[in-house]
Amino acid sequence: MENKINGWENQSTTKIINSLTDNYHEYFRNIMKELTTLTTTILRVHGRTHRELSKVHRFFSIIQINLIQRMIKEKGNIFPLIKIYDKRPRQNLLEEILKEKELLESEEDNIKELFNKLSKVTNGYCPPEDGCATYDRTYKNLKEFESKVLEYLKIENEILYPRLEK
């Protein structure tokens, strides 16, 4: 995943924020819709013989709720503040941004912990041999979703927010 954030350092703060909202947020909304259907389907079809699917469904649902709340807070509050700060830095604005960011950190830890649990319960997103094509697609998409969320968080934590603290 290291190479996924190369090149971001040279982008403007506004361009990073726009990319996060236009590309990542859009991807998250689309994949979460699909994964909601997929996780529900495999739970309904295979849940009787694969008891772990209730946990898969629950972990994904909680991740989804946390991520939606995070995106709403970022797009509606934090990102506009960062854009203002980028044009006209002021200490009180920076303090407000960092305070808001701090509130997101516990949610972020929760998302990462849930992905760890999800990966564990799915055996590293490896579908069972008796799984169907939908089962395979669900696990493949969950793995990709985790990778994209972690990439997104890494861009924020290693590039976007450190810029503000300089």
N, C-alpha and C. Protein backbone atom coordinates (compact mmCIF):
# COMPACT_ATOMS: atom_id res chain seq x y z
N MET A 1 0.81 -1.19 0.00
CA MET A 1 0.00 0.00 0.00
C MET A 1 0.86 1.26 0.00
N GLU A 2 2.12 1.15 0.29
CA GLU A 2 3.02 2.30 0.32
C GLU A 2 2.95 3.11 -0.97
N ASN A 3 2.99 2.44 -2.13
CA ASN A 3 3.01 3.15 -3.39
C ASN A 3 1.69 3.85 -3.70
N LYS A 4 0.64 3.54 -2.99
CA LYS A 4 -0.67 4.14 -3.24
C LYS A 4 -0.70 5.61 -2.86
N ILE A 5 0.20 6.04 -1.97
CA ILE A 5 0.15 7.45 -1.57
C ILE A 5 1.29 8.27 -2.16
N ASN A 6 2.18 7.63 -2.91
CA ASN A 6 3.23 8.39 -3.57
C ASN A 6 2.61 9.39 -4.54
N GLY A 7 3.16 10.58 -4.61
CA GLY A 7 2.67 11.61 -5.50
C GLY A 7 1.68 12.55 -4.83
N TRP A 8 1.08 12.12 -3.74
CA TRP A 8 0.12 12.98 -3.03
C TRP A 8 0.83 14.16 -2.38
N GLU A 9 2.09 13.98 -2.01
CA GLU A 9 2.81 15.04 -1.31
C GLU A 9 2.90 16.30 -2.16
N ASN A 10 2.91 16.15 -3.49
CA ASN A 10 3.08 17.28 -4.40
C ASN A 10 1.76 17.94 -4.78
N GLN A 11 0.65 17.40 -4.33
CA GLN A 11 -0.67 17.96 -4.66
C GLN A 11 -1.02 19.08 -3.69
N SER A 12 -1.81 20.02 -4.16
CA SER A 12 -2.28 21.08 -3.27
C SER A 12 -3.25 20.50 -2.26
N THR A 13 -3.39 21.18 -1.16
CA THR A 13 -4.32 20.72 -0.12
C THR A 13 -5.74 20.63 -0.67
N THR A 14 -6.14 21.63 -1.43
CA THR A 14 -7.48 21.62 -2.02
C THR A 14 -7.65 20.45 -2.97
N LYS A 15 -6.65 20.15 -3.76
CA LYS A 15 -6.73 19.03 -4.71
C LYS A 15 -6.83 17.70 -3.96
N ILE A 16 -6.11 17.56 -2.87
CA ILE A 16 -6.20 16.34 -2.06
C ILE A 16 -7.61 16.19 -1.51
N ILE A 17 -8.14 17.24 -0.94
CA ILE A 17 -9.49 17.19 -0.37
C ILE A 17 -10.52 16.88 -1.45
N ASN A 18 -10.40 17.53 -2.59
CA ASN A 18 -11.34 17.26 -3.69
C ASN A 18 -11.26 15.82 -4.16
N SER A 19 -10.06 15.28 -4.22
CA SER A 19 -9.91 13.89 -4.62
C SER A 19 -10.49 12.94 -3.58
N LEU A 20 -10.26 13.26 -2.31
CA LEU A 20 -10.83 12.42 -1.25
C LEU A 20 -12.35 12.40 -1.33
N THR A 21 -12.96 13.57 -1.54
CA THR A 21 -14.42 13.62 -1.58
C THR A 21 -14.98 13.14 -2.92
N ASP A 22 -14.37 13.53 -4.01
CA ASP A 22 -14.91 13.17 -5.33
C ASP A 22 -14.64 11.71 -5.70
N ASN A 23 -13.48 11.21 -5.34
CA ASN A 23 -13.13 9.85 -5.75
C ASN A 23 -13.39 8.81 -4.65
N TYR A 24 -12.77 9.01 -3.51
CA TYR A 24 -12.91 8.02 -2.44
C TYR A 24 -14.33 7.98 -1.88
N HIS A 25 -14.90 9.14 -1.56
CA HIS A 25 -16.25 9.14 -1.01
C HIS A 25 -17.24 8.52 -1.99
N GLU A 26 -17.08 8.84 -3.26
CA GLU A 26 -17.97 8.27 -4.28
C GLU A 26 -17.79 6.75 -4.36
N TYR A 27 -16.54 6.30 -4.37
CA TYR A 27 -16.28 4.85 -4.37
C TYR A 27 -16.91 4.20 -3.14
N PHE A 28 -16.71 4.79 -1.97
CA PHE A 28 -17.25 4.21 -0.74
C PHE A 28 -18.77 4.10 -0.81
N ARG A 29 -19.43 5.16 -1.27
CA ARG A 29 -20.90 5.11 -1.36
C ARG A 29 -21.35 3.97 -2.29
N ASN A 30 -20.70 3.84 -3.42
CA ASN A 30 -21.09 2.80 -4.39
C ASN A 30 -20.81 1.40 -3.87
N ILE A 31 -19.63 1.18 -3.35
CA ILE A 31 -19.26 -0.17 -2.90
C ILE A 31 -20.06 -0.57 -1.66
N MET A 32 -20.38 0.40 -0.81
CA MET A 32 -21.16 0.06 0.38
C MET A 32 -22.59 -0.36 0.01
N LYS A 33 -23.17 0.27 -1.00
CA LYS A 33 -24.48 -0.16 -1.48
C LYS A 33 -24.42 -1.60 -1.95
N GLU A 34 -23.41 -1.88 -2.76
CA GLU A 34 -23.26 -3.23 -3.30
C GLU A 34 -22.99 -4.24 -2.19
N LEU A 35 -22.11 -3.88 -1.27
CA LEU A 35 -21.77 -4.80 -0.18
C LEU A 35 -22.94 -5.02 0.78
N THR A 36 -23.78 -4.04 0.95
CA THR A 36 -24.98 -4.23 1.77
C THR A 36 -25.84 -5.35 1.17
N THR A 37 -26.03 -5.29 -0.13
CA THR A 37 -26.81 -6.33 -0.81
C THR A 37 -26.10 -7.67 -0.75
N LEU A 38 -24.81 -7.68 -1.02
CA LEU A 38 -24.05 -8.94 -1.06
C LEU A 38 -23.98 -9.61 0.30
N THR A 39 -23.65 -8.84 1.34
CA THR A 39 -23.52 -9.46 2.67
C THR A 39 -24.87 -9.97 3.16
N THR A 40 -25.93 -9.26 2.84
CA THR A 40 -27.27 -9.71 3.21
C THR A 40 -27.64 -10.98 2.46
N THR A 41 -27.31 -11.03 1.18
CA THR A 41 -27.63 -12.20 0.36
C THR A 41 -26.91 -13.45 0.85
N ILE A 42 -25.60 -13.34 1.08
CA ILE A 42 -24.89 -14.56 1.50
C ILE A 42 -25.29 -14.98 2.91
N LEU A 43 -25.65 -14.02 3.75
CA LEU A 43 -26.14 -14.38 5.09
C LEU A 43 -27.46 -15.14 4.96
N ARG A 44 -28.34 -14.65 4.11
CA ARG A 44 -29.64 -15.30 3.92
C ARG A 44 -29.50 -16.70 3.32
N VAL A 45 -28.62 -16.82 2.32
CA VAL A 45 -28.47 -18.09 1.60
C VAL A 45 -27.58 -19.09 2.35
N HIS A 46 -26.48 -18.63 2.92
CA HIS A 46 -25.48 -19.53 3.51
C HIS A 46 -25.38 -19.44 5.03
N GLY A 47 -26.13 -18.54 5.64
CA GLY A 47 -26.00 -18.29 7.08
C GLY A 47 -26.26 -19.49 7.96
N ARG A 48 -27.07 -20.38 7.50
CA ARG A 48 -27.39 -21.57 8.29
C ARG A 48 -26.19 -22.50 8.43
N THR A 49 -25.42 -22.62 7.36
CA THR A 49 -24.25 -23.51 7.40
C THR A 49 -22.94 -22.77 7.70
N HIS A 50 -22.97 -21.47 7.54
CA HIS A 50 -21.78 -20.65 7.82
C HIS A 50 -22.16 -19.58 8.83
N ARG A 51 -22.10 -19.97 10.10
CA ARG A 51 -22.54 -19.09 11.19
C ARG A 51 -21.73 -17.78 11.27
N GLU A 52 -20.52 -17.78 10.76
CA GLU A 52 -19.69 -16.58 10.82
C GLU A 52 -20.27 -15.43 9.98
N LEU A 53 -21.18 -15.74 9.08
CA LEU A 53 -21.73 -14.70 8.20
C LEU A 53 -22.56 -13.67 8.95
N SER A 54 -23.11 -14.03 10.09
CA SER A 54 -23.83 -13.02 10.87
C SER A 54 -22.84 -11.97 11.40
N LYS A 55 -21.63 -12.41 11.75
CA LYS A 55 -20.59 -11.47 12.18
C LYS A 55 -20.10 -10.63 11.01
N VAL A 56 -19.93 -11.26 9.85
CA VAL A 56 -19.51 -10.53 8.65
C VAL A 56 -20.51 -9.41 8.37
N HIS A 57 -21.77 -9.76 8.39
CA HIS A 57 -22.83 -8.78 8.13
C HIS A 57 -22.82 -7.67 9.18
N ARG A 58 -22.70 -8.03 10.44
CA ARG A 58 -22.70 -7.05 11.52
C ARG A 58 -21.46 -6.14 11.46
N PHE A 59 -20.27 -6.72 11.29
CA PHE A 59 -19.04 -5.92 11.23
C PHE A 59 -19.09 -4.94 10.06
N PHE A 60 -19.51 -5.44 8.90
CA PHE A 60 -19.59 -4.56 7.73
C PHE A 60 -20.59 -3.43 7.99
N SER A 61 -21.73 -3.75 8.57
CA SER A 61 -22.77 -2.74 8.82
C SER A 61 -22.25 -1.64 9.75
N ILE A 62 -21.51 -2.01 10.78
CA ILE A 62 -20.98 -1.02 11.71
C ILE A 62 -19.90 -0.17 11.03
N ILE A 63 -19.05 -0.81 10.24
CA ILE A 63 -18.04 -0.06 9.48
C ILE A 63 -18.73 0.96 8.58
N GLN A 64 -19.77 0.51 7.90
CA GLN A 64 -20.51 1.38 6.99
C GLN A 64 -21.08 2.59 7.72
N ILE A 65 -21.71 2.37 8.85
CA ILE A 65 -22.28 3.48 9.63
C ILE A 65 -21.17 4.46 10.04
N ASN A 66 -20.07 3.94 10.56
CA ASN A 66 -18.96 4.80 11.00
C ASN A 66 -18.37 5.59 9.84
N LEU A 67 -18.22 4.94 8.70
CA LEU A 67 -17.62 5.60 7.54
C LEU A 67 -18.55 6.68 6.98
N ILE A 68 -19.84 6.40 6.93
CA ILE A 68 -20.79 7.40 6.46
C ILE A 68 -20.76 8.62 7.38
N GLN A 69 -20.78 8.39 8.68
CA GLN A 69 -20.72 9.51 9.63
C GLN A 69 -19.43 10.30 9.45
N ARG A 70 -18.33 9.62 9.25
CA ARG A 70 -17.04 10.29 9.05
C ARG A 70 -17.08 11.16 7.79
N MET A 71 -17.59 10.61 6.70
CA MET A 71 -17.64 11.36 5.44
C MET A 71 -18.52 12.60 5.58
N ILE A 72 -19.63 12.48 6.29
CA ILE A 72 -20.52 13.63 6.51
C ILE A 72 -19.78 14.71 7.30
N LYS A 73 -19.10 14.33 8.37
CA LYS A 73 -18.36 15.29 9.19
C LYS A 73 -17.24 15.95 8.39
N GLU A 74 -16.55 15.15 7.59
CA GLU A 74 -15.43 15.71 6.82
C GLU A 74 -15.93 16.68 5.76
N LYS A 75 -16.88 16.23 4.96
CA LYS A 75 -17.34 17.07 3.85
C LYS A 75 -18.09 18.31 4.34
N GLY A 76 -18.83 18.17 5.42
CA GLY A 76 -19.63 19.28 5.90
C GLY A 76 -18.92 20.23 6.84
N ASN A 77 -17.81 19.77 7.44
CA ASN A 77 -17.20 20.60 8.46
C ASN A 77 -15.68 20.71 8.31
N ILE A 78 -14.99 19.60 8.48
CA ILE A 78 -13.53 19.64 8.56
C ILE A 78 -12.88 20.09 7.24
N PHE A 79 -13.28 19.48 6.13
CA PHE A 79 -12.64 19.82 4.86
C PHE A 79 -12.86 21.28 4.46
N PRO A 80 -14.07 21.84 4.62
CA PRO A 80 -14.20 23.27 4.33
C PRO A 80 -13.31 24.14 5.22
N LEU A 81 -13.18 23.77 6.50
CA LEU A 81 -12.29 24.52 7.40
C LEU A 81 -10.84 24.44 6.93
N ILE A 82 -10.42 23.26 6.49
CA ILE A 82 -9.04 23.10 6.02
C ILE A 82 -8.79 23.97 4.78
N LYS A 83 -9.76 24.01 3.87
CA LYS A 83 -9.62 24.84 2.67
C LYS A 83 -9.49 26.32 3.04
N ILE A 84 -10.27 26.76 4.01
CA ILE A 84 -10.18 28.15 4.47
C ILE A 84 -8.81 28.39 5.11
N TYR A 85 -8.39 27.46 5.95
CA TYR A 85 -7.09 27.58 6.62
C TYR A 85 -5.94 27.60 5.61
N ASP A 86 -6.07 26.80 4.56
CA ASP A 86 -5.03 26.73 3.54
C ASP A 86 -4.84 28.08 2.85
N LYS A 87 -5.92 28.83 2.67
CA LYS A 87 -5.85 30.14 2.02
C LYS A 87 -5.42 31.24 2.98
N ARG A 88 -5.87 31.10 4.23
CA ARG A 88 -5.58 32.14 5.23
C ARG A 88 -5.39 31.49 6.60
N PRO A 89 -4.18 31.02 6.90
CA PRO A 89 -3.92 30.33 8.16
C PRO A 89 -4.14 31.24 9.38
N ARG A 90 -4.86 30.69 10.35
CA ARG A 90 -5.07 31.37 11.62
C ARG A 90 -5.04 30.32 12.72
N GLN A 91 -4.44 30.66 13.83
CA GLN A 91 -4.25 29.72 14.92
C GLN A 91 -5.58 29.18 15.45
N ASN A 92 -6.56 30.06 15.63
CA ASN A 92 -7.85 29.60 16.17
C ASN A 92 -8.55 28.62 15.22
N LEU A 93 -8.39 28.82 13.92
CA LEU A 93 -8.96 27.91 12.94
C LEU A 93 -8.24 26.56 12.97
N LEU A 94 -6.92 26.61 13.08
CA LEU A 94 -6.13 25.37 13.19
C LEU A 94 -6.55 24.58 14.43
N GLU A 95 -6.73 25.26 15.53
CA GLU A 95 -7.15 24.59 16.76
C GLU A 95 -8.51 23.92 16.59
N GLU A 96 -9.41 24.58 15.90
CA GLU A 96 -10.74 24.01 15.65
C GLU A 96 -10.64 22.76 14.76
N ILE A 97 -9.81 22.83 13.73
CA ILE A 97 -9.61 21.69 12.82
C ILE A 97 -9.03 20.50 13.59
N LEU A 98 -8.00 20.75 14.39
CA LEU A 98 -7.34 19.68 15.13
C LEU A 98 -8.27 19.08 16.19
N LYS A 99 -9.13 19.90 16.76
CA LYS A 99 -10.12 19.40 17.72
C LYS A 99 -11.11 18.47 17.01
N GLU A 100 -11.57 18.87 15.85
CA GLU A 100 -12.48 18.02 15.06
C GLU A 100 -11.80 16.73 14.62
N LYS A 101 -10.54 16.84 14.22
CA LYS A 101 -9.78 15.67 13.81
C LYS A 101 -9.64 14.68 14.97
N GLU A 102 -9.41 15.20 16.14
CA GLU A 102 -9.27 14.36 17.34
C GLU A 102 -10.53 13.54 17.59
N LEU A 103 -11.68 14.15 17.35
CA LEU A 103 -12.95 13.44 17.52
C LEU A 103 -13.08 12.27 16.54
N LEU A 104 -12.49 12.41 15.37
CA LEU A 104 -12.55 11.35 14.36
C LEU A 104 -11.62 10.18 14.67
N GLU A 105 -10.60 10.42 15.49
CA GLU A 105 -9.59 9.39 15.73
C GLU A 105 -10.15 8.14 16.40
N SER A 106 -11.06 8.30 17.34
CA SER A 106 -11.63 7.10 17.98
C SER A 106 -12.48 6.32 16.99
N GLU A 107 -13.20 7.04 16.12
CA GLU A 107 -13.97 6.35 15.07
C GLU A 107 -13.03 5.61 14.12
N GLU A 108 -11.92 6.24 13.81
CA GLU A 108 -10.94 5.63 12.92
C GLU A 108 -10.38 4.35 13.53
N ASP A 109 -10.04 4.41 14.82
CA ASP A 109 -9.55 3.21 15.51
C ASP A 109 -10.60 2.11 15.49
N ASN A 110 -11.85 2.49 15.67
CA ASN A 110 -12.95 1.53 15.65
C ASN A 110 -13.08 0.88 14.27
N ILE A 111 -12.96 1.68 13.21
CA ILE A 111 -13.05 1.15 11.85
C ILE A 111 -11.92 0.15 11.61
N LYS A 112 -10.71 0.50 12.01
CA LYS A 112 -9.57 -0.40 11.81
C LYS A 112 -9.74 -1.69 12.61
N GLU A 113 -10.22 -1.57 13.84
CA GLU A 113 -10.45 -2.75 14.66
C GLU A 113 -11.51 -3.66 14.04
N LEU A 114 -12.57 -3.06 13.52
CA LEU A 114 -13.62 -3.86 12.87
C LEU A 114 -13.12 -4.54 11.61
N PHE A 115 -12.28 -3.87 10.85
CA PHE A 115 -11.69 -4.52 9.67
C PHE A 115 -10.81 -5.70 10.09
N ASN A 116 -10.07 -5.54 11.18
CA ASN A 116 -9.27 -6.67 11.68
C ASN A 116 -10.15 -7.85 12.05
N LYS A 117 -11.26 -7.57 12.72
CA LYS A 117 -12.20 -8.64 13.09
C LYS A 117 -12.83 -9.26 11.84
N LEU A 118 -13.17 -8.42 10.89
CA LEU A 118 -13.77 -8.90 9.64
C LEU A 118 -12.80 -9.79 8.88
N SER A 119 -11.56 -9.37 8.81
CA SER A 119 -10.54 -10.18 8.13
C SER A 119 -10.34 -11.51 8.85
N LYS A 120 -10.34 -11.47 10.16
CA LYS A 120 -10.15 -12.69 10.94
C LYS A 120 -11.31 -13.67 10.75
N VAL A 121 -12.53 -13.16 10.84
CA VAL A 121 -13.71 -14.04 10.73
C VAL A 121 -13.88 -14.59 9.31
N THR A 122 -13.33 -13.90 8.32
CA THR A 122 -13.41 -14.37 6.93
C THR A 122 -12.16 -15.13 6.50
N ASN A 123 -11.28 -15.38 7.46
CA ASN A 123 -10.02 -16.07 7.15
C ASN A 123 -9.24 -15.32 6.07
N GLY A 124 -9.09 -14.03 6.28
CA GLY A 124 -8.35 -13.21 5.31
C GLY A 124 -9.12 -13.00 4.02
N TYR A 125 -10.44 -12.97 4.11
CA TYR A 125 -11.33 -12.80 2.96
C TYR A 125 -11.23 -13.97 1.97
N CYS A 126 -11.03 -15.15 2.50
CA CYS A 126 -10.99 -16.36 1.67
C CYS A 126 -12.34 -17.07 1.79
N PRO A 127 -13.11 -17.09 0.71
CA PRO A 127 -14.41 -17.75 0.78
C PRO A 127 -14.24 -19.26 0.92
N PRO A 128 -15.20 -19.92 1.55
CA PRO A 128 -15.11 -21.37 1.71
C PRO A 128 -15.31 -22.08 0.37
N GLU A 129 -14.87 -23.31 0.32
CA GLU A 129 -14.97 -24.08 -0.93
C GLU A 129 -16.41 -24.29 -1.37
N ASP A 130 -17.33 -24.35 -0.42
CA ASP A 130 -18.73 -24.57 -0.80
C ASP A 130 -19.47 -23.26 -1.05
N GLY A 131 -18.75 -22.15 -1.12
CA GLY A 131 -19.37 -20.86 -1.39
C GLY A 131 -19.71 -20.70 -2.87
N CYS A 132 -20.63 -19.83 -3.15
CA CYS A 132 -21.06 -19.58 -4.52
C CYS A 132 -20.32 -18.36 -5.09
N ALA A 133 -20.66 -18.00 -6.31
CA ALA A 133 -20.02 -16.85 -6.96
C ALA A 133 -20.31 -15.56 -6.19
N THR A 134 -21.49 -15.44 -5.61
CA THR A 134 -21.83 -14.25 -4.83
C THR A 134 -20.97 -14.18 -3.57
N TYR A 135 -20.75 -15.31 -2.96
CA TYR A 135 -19.88 -15.40 -1.78
C TYR A 135 -18.48 -14.91 -2.15
N ASP A 136 -17.95 -15.44 -3.26
CA ASP A 136 -16.61 -15.05 -3.74
C ASP A 136 -16.54 -13.55 -4.00
N ARG A 137 -17.54 -13.03 -4.67
CA ARG A 137 -17.57 -11.60 -5.02
C ARG A 137 -17.65 -10.74 -3.75
N THR A 138 -18.43 -11.18 -2.79
CA THR A 138 -18.55 -10.44 -1.53
C THR A 138 -17.21 -10.33 -0.83
N TYR A 139 -16.51 -11.44 -0.70
CA TYR A 139 -15.22 -11.41 -0.01
C TYR A 139 -14.17 -10.62 -0.78
N LYS A 140 -14.19 -10.74 -2.10
CA LYS A 140 -13.27 -9.96 -2.93
C LYS A 140 -13.53 -8.47 -2.74
N ASN A 141 -14.79 -8.07 -2.76
CA ASN A 141 -15.15 -6.66 -2.59
C ASN A 141 -14.86 -6.16 -1.18
N LEU A 142 -15.07 -7.00 -0.17
CA LEU A 142 -14.75 -6.60 1.20
C LEU A 142 -13.25 -6.34 1.35
N LYS A 143 -12.45 -7.20 0.75
CA LYS A 143 -10.99 -7.03 0.82
C LYS A 143 -10.56 -5.73 0.13
N GLU A 144 -11.12 -5.47 -1.04
CA GLU A 144 -10.80 -4.24 -1.76
C GLU A 144 -11.27 -3.01 -1.00
N PHE A 145 -12.46 -3.11 -0.41
CA PHE A 145 -13.03 -2.02 0.39
C PHE A 145 -12.11 -1.68 1.56
N GLU A 146 -11.66 -2.71 2.27
CA GLU A 146 -10.74 -2.48 3.39
C GLU A 146 -9.47 -1.78 2.91
N SER A 147 -8.91 -2.25 1.82
CA SER A 147 -7.69 -1.65 1.28
C SER A 147 -7.89 -0.18 0.94
N LYS A 148 -9.01 0.15 0.32
CA LYS A 148 -9.29 1.54 -0.06
C LYS A 148 -9.53 2.44 1.16
N VAL A 149 -10.23 1.92 2.16
CA VAL A 149 -10.47 2.71 3.37
C VAL A 149 -9.14 2.99 4.08
N LEU A 150 -8.29 1.98 4.19
CA LEU A 150 -7.01 2.17 4.86
C LEU A 150 -6.11 3.12 4.07
N GLU A 151 -6.17 3.04 2.75
CA GLU A 151 -5.42 3.96 1.89
C GLU A 151 -5.91 5.39 2.12
N TYR A 152 -7.19 5.57 2.17
CA TYR A 152 -7.82 6.87 2.41
C TYR A 152 -7.36 7.46 3.74
N LEU A 153 -7.42 6.65 4.78
CA LEU A 153 -7.00 7.11 6.11
C LEU A 153 -5.52 7.46 6.13
N LYS A 154 -4.73 6.70 5.39
CA LYS A 154 -3.30 6.95 5.33
C LYS A 154 -3.00 8.29 4.65
N ILE A 155 -3.72 8.59 3.59
CA ILE A 155 -3.55 9.88 2.90
C ILE A 155 -3.87 11.02 3.86
N GLU A 156 -4.95 10.87 4.60
CA GLU A 156 -5.31 11.90 5.57
C GLU A 156 -4.25 12.04 6.65
N ASN A 157 -3.86 10.92 7.25
CA ASN A 157 -2.99 10.95 8.42
C ASN A 157 -1.52 11.20 8.12
N GLU A 158 -1.07 10.84 6.94
CA GLU A 158 0.35 11.00 6.62
C GLU A 158 0.64 12.17 5.70
N ILE A 159 -0.39 12.71 5.05
CA ILE A 159 -0.15 13.81 4.12
C ILE A 159 -1.00 15.03 4.46
N LEU A 160 -2.32 14.87 4.51
CA LEU A 160 -3.21 16.02 4.68
C LEU A 160 -3.04 16.69 6.04
N TYR A 161 -3.26 15.95 7.12
CA TYR A 161 -3.22 16.57 8.44
C TYR A 161 -1.83 17.03 8.87
N PRO A 162 -0.76 16.31 8.54
CA PRO A 162 0.58 16.82 8.91
C PRO A 162 0.92 18.17 8.27
N ARG A 163 0.34 18.47 7.11
CA ARG A 163 0.56 19.77 6.49
C ARG A 163 0.10 20.91 7.37
N LEU A 164 -0.97 20.66 8.08
CA LEU A 164 -1.55 21.71 8.92
C LEU A 164 -0.69 22.01 10.14
N GLU A 165 0.03 21.03 10.58
CA GLU A 165 0.79 21.15 11.82
C GLU A 165 2.18 21.71 11.60
N LYS A 166 2.51 22.06 10.35
CA LYS A 166 3.84 22.61 10.05
C LYS A 166 3.93 24.05 10.44
